Amino acid sequence: AEDQLSAHCLAIHHAADDNFIDARLWRTIATALGYSP
């Protein structure tokens, strides 16, 4: 539903879980949705 923070949470979750392919995917999606630190 285009929630930027949820996409970012998924990126962080997957990075912490050593799943860097999914982490990079979700980071890209979060950025595309407008996430910015």
PDB file of all heavy atoms in Angstrom:
ATOM      1  N   ALA A   1       0.842  -1.204   0.000  1.00  0.00           N
ATOM      2  CA  ALA A   1       0.000   0.000   0.000  1.00  0.00           C
ATOM      3  C   ALA A   1       0.874   1.251   0.000  1.00  0.00           C
ATOM      4  O   ALA A   1       0.436   2.325   0.383  1.00  0.00           O
ATOM      5  CB  ALA A   1      -0.931  -0.008   1.198  1.00  0.00           C
ATOM      6  N   GLU A   2       2.132   1.090  -0.410  1.00  0.00           N
ATOM      7  CA  GLU A   2       3.094   2.180  -0.590  1.00  0.00           C
ATOM      8  C   GLU A   2       3.553   2.836   0.706  1.00  0.00           C
ATOM      9  O   GLU A   2       3.850   4.024   0.744  1.00  0.00           O
ATOM     10  CB  GLU A   2       2.559   3.221  -1.578  1.00  0.00           C
ATOM     11  CG  GLU A   2       2.284   2.633  -2.937  1.00  0.00           C
ATOM     12  CD  GLU A   2       1.820   3.650  -3.960  1.00  0.00           C
ATOM     13  OE1 GLU A   2       1.680   4.847  -3.622  1.00  0.00           O
ATOM     14  OE2 GLU A   2       1.605   3.242  -5.099  1.00  0.00           O
ATOM     15  N   ASP A   3       3.638   2.060   1.772  1.00  0.00           N
ATOM     16  CA  ASP A   3       4.171   2.570   3.032  1.00  0.00           C
ATOM     17  C   ASP A   3       5.691   2.441   2.996  1.00  0.00           C
ATOM     18  O   ASP A   3       6.229   1.332   3.047  1.00  0.00           O
ATOM     19  CB  ASP A   3       3.584   1.785   4.212  1.00  0.00           C
ATOM     20  CG  ASP A   3       4.035   2.349   5.537  1.00  0.00           C
ATOM     21  OD1 ASP A   3       3.592   3.462   5.878  1.00  0.00           O
ATOM     22  OD2 ASP A   3       4.847   1.687   6.205  1.00  0.00           O
ATOM     23  N   GLN A   4       6.373   3.592   2.911  1.00  0.00           N
ATOM     24  CA  GLN A   4       7.831   3.593   2.770  1.00  0.00           C
ATOM     25  C   GLN A   4       8.529   2.954   3.956  1.00  0.00           C
ATOM     26  O   GLN A   4       9.507   2.220   3.785  1.00  0.00           O
ATOM     27  CB  GLN A   4       8.369   5.039   2.643  1.00  0.00           C
ATOM     28  CG  GLN A   4       7.784   5.845   1.557  1.00  0.00           C
ATOM     29  CD  GLN A   4       6.714   6.799   2.056  1.00  0.00           C
ATOM     30  OE1 GLN A   4       6.180   6.671   3.142  1.00  0.00           O
ATOM     31  NE2 GLN A   4       6.381   7.766   1.222  1.00  0.00           N
ATOM     32  N   LEU A   5       8.055   3.224   5.161  1.00  0.00           N
ATOM     33  CA  LEU A   5       8.715   2.693   6.348  1.00  0.00           C
ATOM     34  C   LEU A   5       8.592   1.172   6.443  1.00  0.00           C
ATOM     35  O   LEU A   5       9.498   0.504   6.925  1.00  0.00           O
ATOM     36  CB  LEU A   5       8.170   3.359   7.607  1.00  0.00           C
ATOM     37  CG  LEU A   5       8.553   4.829   7.767  1.00  0.00           C
ATOM     38  CD1 LEU A   5       7.878   5.413   9.007  1.00  0.00           C
ATOM     39  CD2 LEU A   5      10.046   5.004   7.850  1.00  0.00           C
ATOM     40  N   SER A   6       7.480   0.627   5.974  1.00  0.00           N
ATOM     41  CA  SER A   6       7.336  -0.833   5.975  1.00  0.00           C
ATOM     42  C   SER A   6       8.342  -1.474   5.030  1.00  0.00           C
ATOM     43  O   SER A   6       8.957  -2.488   5.365  1.00  0.00           O
ATOM     44  CB  SER A   6       5.914  -1.228   5.577  1.00  0.00           C
ATOM     45  OG  SER A   6       5.011  -0.848   6.583  1.00  0.00           O
ATOM     46  N   ALA A   7       8.521  -0.871   3.865  1.00  0.00           N
ATOM     47  CA  ALA A   7       9.516  -1.391   2.923  1.00  0.00           C
ATOM     48  C   ALA A   7      10.909  -1.299   3.539  1.00  0.00           C
ATOM     49  O   ALA A   7      11.728  -2.216   3.407  1.00  0.00           O
ATOM     50  CB  ALA A   7       9.440  -0.632   1.601  1.00  0.00           C
ATOM     51  N   HIS A   8      11.192  -0.208   4.244  1.00  0.00           N
ATOM     52  CA  HIS A   8      12.484  -0.051   4.905  1.00  0.00           C
ATOM     53  C   HIS A   8      12.654  -1.091   6.018  1.00  0.00           C
ATOM     54  O   HIS A   8      13.733  -1.677   6.172  1.00  0.00           O
ATOM     55  CB  HIS A   8      12.620   1.361   5.463  1.00  0.00           C
ATOM     56  CG  HIS A   8      13.899   1.582   6.195  1.00  0.00           C
ATOM     57  ND1 HIS A   8      15.124   1.626   5.564  1.00  0.00           N
ATOM     58  CD2 HIS A   8      14.150   1.741   7.518  1.00  0.00           C
ATOM     59  CE1 HIS A   8      16.076   1.815   6.461  1.00  0.00           C
ATOM     60  NE2 HIS A   8      15.505   1.886   7.646  1.00  0.00           N
ATOM     61  N   CYS A   9      11.605  -1.331   6.794  1.00  0.00           N
ATOM     62  CA  CYS A   9      11.663  -2.359   7.845  1.00  0.00           C
ATOM     63  C   CYS A   9      11.975  -3.726   7.248  1.00  0.00           C
ATOM     64  O   CYS A   9      12.743  -4.501   7.822  1.00  0.00           O
ATOM     65  CB  CYS A   9      10.351  -2.406   8.621  1.00  0.00           C
ATOM     66  SG  CYS A   9      10.087  -1.005   9.716  1.00  0.00           S
ATOM     67  N   LEU A  10      11.406  -4.018   6.096  1.00  0.00           N
ATOM     68  CA  LEU A  10      11.695  -5.291   5.424  1.00  0.00           C
ATOM     69  C   LEU A  10      13.157  -5.361   4.996  1.00  0.00           C
ATOM     70  O   LEU A  10      13.797  -6.407   5.125  1.00  0.00           O
ATOM     71  CB  LEU A  10      10.765  -5.482   4.220  1.00  0.00           C
ATOM     72  CG  LEU A  10       9.337  -5.854   4.586  1.00  0.00           C
ATOM     73  CD1 LEU A  10       8.401  -5.619   3.408  1.00  0.00           C
ATOM     74  CD2 LEU A  10       9.269  -7.296   5.059  1.00  0.00           C
ATOM     75  N   ALA A  11      13.685  -4.251   4.500  1.00  0.00           N
ATOM     76  CA  ALA A  11      15.098  -4.231   4.098  1.00  0.00           C
ATOM     77  C   ALA A  11      15.995  -4.506   5.298  1.00  0.00           C
ATOM     78  O   ALA A  11      16.919  -5.330   5.222  1.00  0.00           O
ATOM     79  CB  ALA A  11      15.444  -2.883   3.463  1.00  0.00           C
ATOM     80  N   ILE A  12      15.724  -3.848   6.412  1.00  0.00           N
ATOM     81  CA  ILE A  12      16.532  -4.040   7.617  1.00  0.00           C
ATOM     82  C   ILE A  12      16.383  -5.461   8.158  1.00  0.00           C
ATOM     83  O   ILE A  12      17.358  -6.104   8.545  1.00  0.00           O
ATOM     84  CB  ILE A  12      16.145  -3.005   8.693  1.00  0.00           C
ATOM     85  CG1 ILE A  12      16.483  -1.599   8.216  1.00  0.00           C
ATOM     86  CG2 ILE A  12      16.812  -3.318  10.023  1.00  0.00           C
ATOM     87  CD1 ILE A  12      17.953  -1.362   7.967  1.00  0.00           C
ATOM     88  N   HIS A  13      15.156  -5.973   8.166  1.00  0.00           N
ATOM     89  CA  HIS A  13      14.919  -7.333   8.651  1.00  0.00           C
ATOM     90  C   HIS A  13      15.728  -8.341   7.831  1.00  0.00           C
ATOM     91  O   HIS A  13      16.406  -9.203   8.392  1.00  0.00           O
ATOM     92  CB  HIS A  13      13.429  -7.671   8.580  1.00  0.00           C
ATOM     93  CG  HIS A  13      13.149  -9.131   8.702  1.00  0.00           C
ATOM     94  ND1 HIS A  13      13.249  -9.807   9.894  1.00  0.00           N
ATOM     95  CD2 HIS A  13      12.797 -10.048   7.765  1.00  0.00           C
ATOM     96  CE1 HIS A  13      12.968 -11.089   9.690  1.00  0.00           C
ATOM     97  NE2 HIS A  13      12.694 -11.252   8.415  1.00  0.00           N
ATOM     98  N   HIS A  14      15.661  -8.232   6.510  1.00  0.00           N
ATOM     99  CA  HIS A  14      16.375  -9.189   5.666  1.00  0.00           C
ATOM    100  C   HIS A  14      17.889  -9.029   5.784  1.00  0.00           C
ATOM    101  O   HIS A  14      18.622 -10.020   5.750  1.00  0.00           O
ATOM    102  CB  HIS A  14      15.913  -9.063   4.219  1.00  0.00           C
ATOM    103  CG  HIS A  14      14.538  -9.597   3.992  1.00  0.00           C
ATOM    104  ND1 HIS A  14      14.192 -10.902   4.231  1.00  0.00           N
ATOM    105  CD2 HIS A  14      13.402  -8.994   3.563  1.00  0.00           C
ATOM    106  CE1 HIS A  14      12.911 -11.094   3.958  1.00  0.00           C
ATOM    107  NE2 HIS A  14      12.412  -9.943   3.554  1.00  0.00           N
ATOM    108  N   ALA A  15      18.374  -7.789   5.951  1.00  0.00           N
ATOM    109  CA  ALA A  15      19.814  -7.584   6.136  1.00  0.00           C
ATOM    110  C   ALA A  15      20.279  -8.228   7.433  1.00  0.00           C
ATOM    111  O   ALA A  15      21.317  -8.884   7.475  1.00  0.00           O
ATOM    112  CB  ALA A  15      20.140  -6.100   6.120  1.00  0.00           C
ATOM    113  N   ALA A  16      19.508  -8.051   8.491  1.00  0.00           N
ATOM    114  CA  ALA A  16      19.869  -8.650   9.778  1.00  0.00           C
ATOM    115  C   ALA A  16      19.809 -10.164   9.731  1.00  0.00           C
ATOM    116  O   ALA A  16      20.507 -10.848  10.480  1.00  0.00           O
ATOM    117  CB  ALA A  16      18.942  -8.122  10.871  1.00  0.00           C
ATOM    118  N   ASP A  17      19.000 -10.693   8.813  1.00  0.00           N
ATOM    119  CA  ASP A  17      18.835 -12.136   8.642  1.00  0.00           C
ATOM    120  C   ASP A  17      19.818 -12.701   7.610  1.00  0.00           C
ATOM    121  O   ASP A  17      19.692 -13.848   7.198  1.00  0.00           O
ATOM    122  CB  ASP A  17      17.397 -12.420   8.206  1.00  0.00           C
ATOM    123  CG  ASP A  17      16.868 -13.730   8.727  1.00  0.00           C
ATOM    124  OD1 ASP A  17      17.423 -14.247   9.697  1.00  0.00           O
ATOM    125  OD2 ASP A  17      15.888 -14.229   8.140  1.00  0.00           O
ATOM    126  N   ASP A  18      20.775 -11.881   7.167  1.00  0.00           N
ATOM    127  CA  ASP A  18      21.790 -12.265   6.161  1.00  0.00           C
ATOM    128  C   ASP A  18      21.192 -12.622   4.808  1.00  0.00           C
ATOM    129  O   ASP A  18      21.785 -13.375   4.045  1.00  0.00           O
ATOM    130  CB  ASP A  18      22.665 -13.424   6.656  1.00  0.00           C
ATOM    131  CG  ASP A  18      23.577 -13.003   7.788  1.00  0.00           C
ATOM    132  OD1 ASP A  18      23.854 -11.794   7.914  1.00  0.00           O
ATOM    133  OD2 ASP A  18      24.019 -13.883   8.547  1.00  0.00           O
ATOM    134  N   ASN A  19      20.035 -12.103   4.497  1.00  0.00           N
ATOM    135  CA  ASN A  19      19.413 -12.319   3.191  1.00  0.00           C
ATOM    136  C   ASN A  19      19.570 -11.022   2.400  1.00  0.00           C
ATOM    137  O   ASN A  19      18.650 -10.223   2.292  1.00  0.00           O
ATOM    138  CB  ASN A  19      17.936 -12.679   3.361  1.00  0.00           C
ATOM    139  CG  ASN A  19      17.272 -13.025   2.050  1.00  0.00           C
ATOM    140  OD1 ASN A  19      17.790 -12.736   0.978  1.00  0.00           O
ATOM    141  ND2 ASN A  19      16.111 -13.632   2.135  1.00  0.00           N
ATOM    142  N   PHE A  20      20.781 -10.816   1.858  1.00  0.00           N
ATOM    143  CA  PHE A  20      21.123  -9.530   1.265  1.00  0.00           C
ATOM    144  C   PHE A  20      20.463  -9.295  -0.089  1.00  0.00           C
ATOM    145  O   PHE A  20      20.263  -8.144  -0.476  1.00  0.00           O
ATOM    146  CB  PHE A  20      22.637  -9.380   1.181  1.00  0.00           C
ATOM    147  CG  PHE A  20      23.267  -9.424   2.543  1.00  0.00           C
ATOM    148  CD1 PHE A  20      24.044 -10.499   2.929  1.00  0.00           C
ATOM    149  CD2 PHE A  20      23.027  -8.421   3.461  1.00  0.00           C
ATOM    150  CE1 PHE A  20      24.591 -10.552   4.192  1.00  0.00           C
ATOM    151  CE2 PHE A  20      23.567  -8.466   4.737  1.00  0.00           C
ATOM    152  CZ  PHE A  20      24.353  -9.533   5.099  1.00  0.00           C
ATOM    153  N   ILE A  21      20.089 -10.339  -0.778  1.00  0.00           N
ATOM    154  CA  ILE A  21      19.375 -10.146  -2.043  1.00  0.00           C
ATOM    155  C   ILE A  21      18.022  -9.513  -1.771  1.00  0.00           C
ATOM    156  O   ILE A  21      17.656  -8.491  -2.377  1.00  0.00           O
ATOM    157  CB  ILE A  21      19.251 -11.480  -2.808  1.00  0.00           C
ATOM    158  CG1 ILE A  21      20.638 -11.951  -3.258  1.00  0.00           C
ATOM    159  CG2 ILE A  21      18.304 -11.334  -3.993  1.00  0.00           C
ATOM    160  CD1 ILE A  21      20.662 -13.348  -3.814  1.00  0.00           C
ATOM    161  N   ASP A  22      17.255 -10.085  -0.844  1.00  0.00           N
ATOM    162  CA  ASP A  22      15.956  -9.506  -0.492  1.00  0.00           C
ATOM    163  C   ASP A  22      16.118  -8.147   0.177  1.00  0.00           C
ATOM    164  O   ASP A  22      15.313  -7.237  -0.032  1.00  0.00           O
ATOM    165  CB  ASP A  22      15.166 -10.443   0.414  1.00  0.00           C
ATOM    166  CG  ASP A  22      14.572 -11.621  -0.332  1.00  0.00           C
ATOM    167  OD1 ASP A  22      14.627 -11.631  -1.591  1.00  0.00           O
ATOM    168  OD2 ASP A  22      14.046 -12.533   0.328  1.00  0.00           O
ATOM    169  N   ALA A  23      17.172  -7.995   0.980  1.00  0.00           N
ATOM    170  CA  ALA A  23      17.409  -6.711   1.640  1.00  0.00           C
ATOM    171  C   ALA A  23      17.620  -5.606   0.615  1.00  0.00           C
ATOM    172  O   ALA A  23      17.047  -4.517   0.737  1.00  0.00           O
ATOM    173  CB  ALA A  23      18.616  -6.814   2.568  1.00  0.00           C
ATOM    174  N   ARG A  24      18.445  -5.882  -0.403  1.00  0.00           N
ATOM    175  CA  ARG A  24      18.673  -4.867  -1.441  1.00  0.00           C
ATOM    176  C   ARG A  24      17.403  -4.598  -2.235  1.00  0.00           C
ATOM    177  O   ARG A  24      17.122  -3.455  -2.596  1.00  0.00           O
ATOM    178  CB  ARG A  24      19.812  -5.297  -2.353  1.00  0.00           C
ATOM    179  CG  ARG A  24      21.166  -5.159  -1.699  1.00  0.00           C
ATOM    180  CD  ARG A  24      22.309  -5.350  -2.680  1.00  0.00           C
ATOM    181  NE  ARG A  24      22.245  -6.603  -3.388  1.00  0.00           N
ATOM    182  CZ  ARG A  24      22.714  -7.773  -2.938  1.00  0.00           C
ATOM    183  NH1 ARG A  24      23.267  -7.822  -1.749  1.00  0.00           N
ATOM    184  NH2 ARG A  24      22.633  -8.861  -3.652  1.00  0.00           N
ATOM    185  N   LEU A  25      16.615  -5.616  -2.488  1.00  0.00           N
ATOM    186  CA  LEU A  25      15.352  -5.427  -3.203  1.00  0.00           C
ATOM    187  C   LEU A  25      14.434  -4.496  -2.422  1.00  0.00           C
ATOM    188  O   LEU A  25      13.907  -3.520  -2.965  1.00  0.00           O
ATOM    189  CB  LEU A  25      14.658  -6.772  -3.436  1.00  0.00           C
ATOM    190  CG  LEU A  25      13.220  -6.687  -3.946  1.00  0.00           C
ATOM    191  CD1 LEU A  25      13.198  -6.157  -5.373  1.00  0.00           C
ATOM    192  CD2 LEU A  25      12.540  -8.024  -3.846  1.00  0.00           C
ATOM    193  N   TRP A  26      14.260  -4.763  -1.129  1.00  0.00           N
ATOM    194  CA  TRP A  26      13.370  -3.934  -0.321  1.00  0.00           C
ATOM    195  C   TRP A  26      13.927  -2.536  -0.108  1.00  0.00           C
ATOM    196  O   TRP A  26      13.182  -1.566  -0.018  1.00  0.00           O
ATOM    197  CB  TRP A  26      13.031  -4.616   1.001  1.00  0.00           C
ATOM    198  CG  TRP A  26      11.997  -5.675   0.789  1.00  0.00           C
ATOM    199  CD1 TRP A  26      12.178  -7.025   0.832  1.00  0.00           C
ATOM    200  CD2 TRP A  26      10.623  -5.468   0.445  1.00  0.00           C
ATOM    201  NE1 TRP A  26      10.995  -7.667   0.541  1.00  0.00           N
ATOM    202  CE2 TRP A  26      10.027  -6.731   0.301  1.00  0.00           C
ATOM    203  CE3 TRP A  26       9.837  -4.339   0.245  1.00  0.00           C
ATOM    204  CZ2 TRP A  26       8.693  -6.900  -0.019  1.00  0.00           C
ATOM    205  CZ3 TRP A  26       8.505  -4.489  -0.080  1.00  0.00           C
ATOM    206  CH2 TRP A  26       7.947  -5.770  -0.211  1.00  0.00           C
ATOM    207  N   ARG A  27      15.255  -2.408  -0.053  1.00  0.00           N
ATOM    208  CA  ARG A  27      15.839  -1.070   0.048  1.00  0.00           C
ATOM    209  C   ARG A  27      15.530  -0.271  -1.215  1.00  0.00           C
ATOM    210  O   ARG A  27      15.173   0.903  -1.145  1.00  0.00           O
ATOM    211  CB  ARG A  27      17.337  -1.136   0.270  1.00  0.00           C
ATOM    212  CG  ARG A  27      17.916   0.269   0.502  1.00  0.00           C
ATOM    213  CD  ARG A  27      19.382   0.254   0.684  1.00  0.00           C
ATOM    214  NE  ARG A  27      20.016   0.083  -0.623  1.00  0.00           N
ATOM    215  CZ  ARG A  27      21.293   0.279  -0.838  1.00  0.00           C
ATOM    216  NH1 ARG A  27      22.079   0.620   0.140  1.00  0.00           N
ATOM    217  NH2 ARG A  27      21.795   0.114  -2.032  1.00  0.00           N
ATOM    218  N   THR A  28      15.623  -0.927  -2.354  1.00  0.00           N
ATOM    219  CA  THR A  28      15.314  -0.260  -3.617  1.00  0.00           C
ATOM    220  C   THR A  28      13.840   0.135  -3.666  1.00  0.00           C
ATOM    221  O   THR A  28      13.496   1.246  -4.090  1.00  0.00           O
ATOM    222  CB  THR A  28      15.665  -1.188  -4.806  1.00  0.00           C
ATOM    223  OG1 THR A  28      17.063  -1.504  -4.731  1.00  0.00           O
ATOM    224  CG2 THR A  28      15.350  -0.537  -6.128  1.00  0.00           C
ATOM    225  N   ILE A  29      12.970  -0.757  -3.221  1.00  0.00           N
ATOM    226  CA  ILE A  29      11.528  -0.452  -3.203  1.00  0.00           C
ATOM    227  C   ILE A  29      11.252   0.699  -2.244  1.00  0.00           C
ATOM    228  O   ILE A  29      10.504   1.631  -2.576  1.00  0.00           O
ATOM    229  CB  ILE A  29      10.712  -1.705  -2.831  1.00  0.00           C
ATOM    230  CG1 ILE A  29      10.800  -2.745  -3.954  1.00  0.00           C
ATOM    231  CG2 ILE A  29       9.256  -1.339  -2.535  1.00  0.00           C
ATOM    232  CD1 ILE A  29      10.242  -4.110  -3.594  1.00  0.00           C
ATOM    233  N   ALA A  30      11.860   0.676  -1.057  1.00  0.00           N
ATOM    234  CA  ALA A  30      11.651   1.753  -0.082  1.00  0.00           C
ATOM    235  C   ALA A  30      12.086   3.096  -0.668  1.00  0.00           C
ATOM    236  O   ALA A  30      11.384   4.105  -0.533  1.00  0.00           O
ATOM    237  CB  ALA A  30      12.415   1.459   1.210  1.00  0.00           C
ATOM    238  N   THR A  31      13.231   3.112  -1.334  1.00  0.00           N
ATOM    239  CA  THR A  31      13.722   4.343  -1.945  1.00  0.00           C
ATOM    240  C   THR A  31      12.785   4.807  -3.054  1.00  0.00           C
ATOM    241  O   THR A  31      12.466   5.990  -3.154  1.00  0.00           O
ATOM    242  CB  THR A  31      15.145   4.130  -2.503  1.00  0.00           C
ATOM    243  OG1 THR A  31      15.989   3.710  -1.418  1.00  0.00           O
ATOM    244  CG2 THR A  31      15.701   5.406  -3.101  1.00  0.00           C
ATOM    245  N   ALA A  32      12.304   3.865  -3.864  1.00  0.00           N
ATOM    246  CA  ALA A  32      11.369   4.218  -4.941  1.00  0.00           C
ATOM    247  C   ALA A  32      10.062   4.788  -4.385  1.00  0.00           C
ATOM    248  O   ALA A  32       9.437   5.647  -5.010  1.00  0.00           O
ATOM    249  CB  ALA A  32      11.094   3.001  -5.814  1.00  0.00           C
ATOM    250  N   LEU A  33       9.668   4.319  -3.208  1.00  0.00           N
ATOM    251  CA  LEU A  33       8.440   4.824  -2.580  1.00  0.00           C
ATOM    252  C   LEU A  33       8.657   6.171  -1.890  1.00  0.00           C
ATOM    253  O   LEU A  33       7.696   6.797  -1.457  1.00  0.00           O
ATOM    254  CB  LEU A  33       7.913   3.807  -1.556  1.00  0.00           C
ATOM    255  CG  LEU A  33       7.349   2.519  -2.128  1.00  0.00           C
ATOM    256  CD1 LEU A  33       7.002   1.542  -1.000  1.00  0.00           C
ATOM    257  CD2 LEU A  33       6.130   2.797  -2.996  1.00  0.00           C
ATOM    258  N   GLY A  34       9.922   6.598  -1.770  1.00  0.00           N
ATOM    259  CA  GLY A  34      10.203   7.898  -1.176  1.00  0.00           C
ATOM    260  C   GLY A  34      10.849   7.853   0.187  1.00  0.00           C
ATOM    261  O   GLY A  34      10.968   8.889   0.844  1.00  0.00           O
ATOM    262  N   TYR A  35      11.281   6.664   0.639  1.00  0.00           N
ATOM    263  CA  TYR A  35      11.961   6.588   1.930  1.00  0.00           C
ATOM    264  C   TYR A  35      13.285   7.343   1.860  1.00  0.00           C
ATOM    265  O   TYR A  35      14.027   7.231   0.902  1.00  0.00           O
ATOM    266  CB  TYR A  35      12.237   5.137   2.347  1.00  0.00           C
ATOM    267  CG  TYR A  35      13.077   5.088   3.600  1.00  0.00           C
ATOM    268  CD1 TYR A  35      12.495   5.263   4.838  1.00  0.00           C
ATOM    269  CD2 TYR A  35      14.448   4.936   3.527  1.00  0.00           C
ATOM    270  CE1 TYR A  35      13.261   5.267   5.994  1.00  0.00           C
ATOM    271  CE2 TYR A  35      15.226   4.935   4.679  1.00  0.00           C
ATOM    272  CZ  TYR A  35      14.622   5.107   5.899  1.00  0.00           C
ATOM    273  OH  TYR A  35      15.383   5.120   7.029  1.00  0.00           O
ATOM    274  N   SER A  36      13.572   8.093   2.899  1.00  0.00           N
ATOM    275  CA  SER A  36      14.841   8.795   3.041  1.00  0.00           C
ATOM    276  C   SER A  36      15.168   8.865   4.530  1.00  0.00           C
ATOM    277  O   SER A  36      14.315   9.255   5.333  1.00  0.00           O
ATOM    278  CB  SER A  36      14.704  10.202   2.450  1.00  0.00           C
ATOM    279  OG  SER A  36      15.478  11.127   3.134  1.00  0.00           O
ATOM    280  N   PRO A  37      16.399   8.473   4.917  1.00  0.00           N
ATOM    281  CA  PRO A  37      16.740   8.515   6.342  1.00  0.00           C
ATOM    282  C   PRO A  37      16.552   9.909   6.941  1.00  0.00           C
ATOM    283  O   PRO A  37      16.070  10.045   8.058  1.00  0.00           O
ATOM    284  CB  PRO A  37      18.205   8.103   6.380  1.00  0.00           C
ATOM    285  CG  PRO A  37      18.443   7.366   5.121  1.00  0.00           C
ATOM    286  CD  PRO A  37      17.485   7.943   4.105  1.00  0.00           C
TER     287      PRO A  37
END
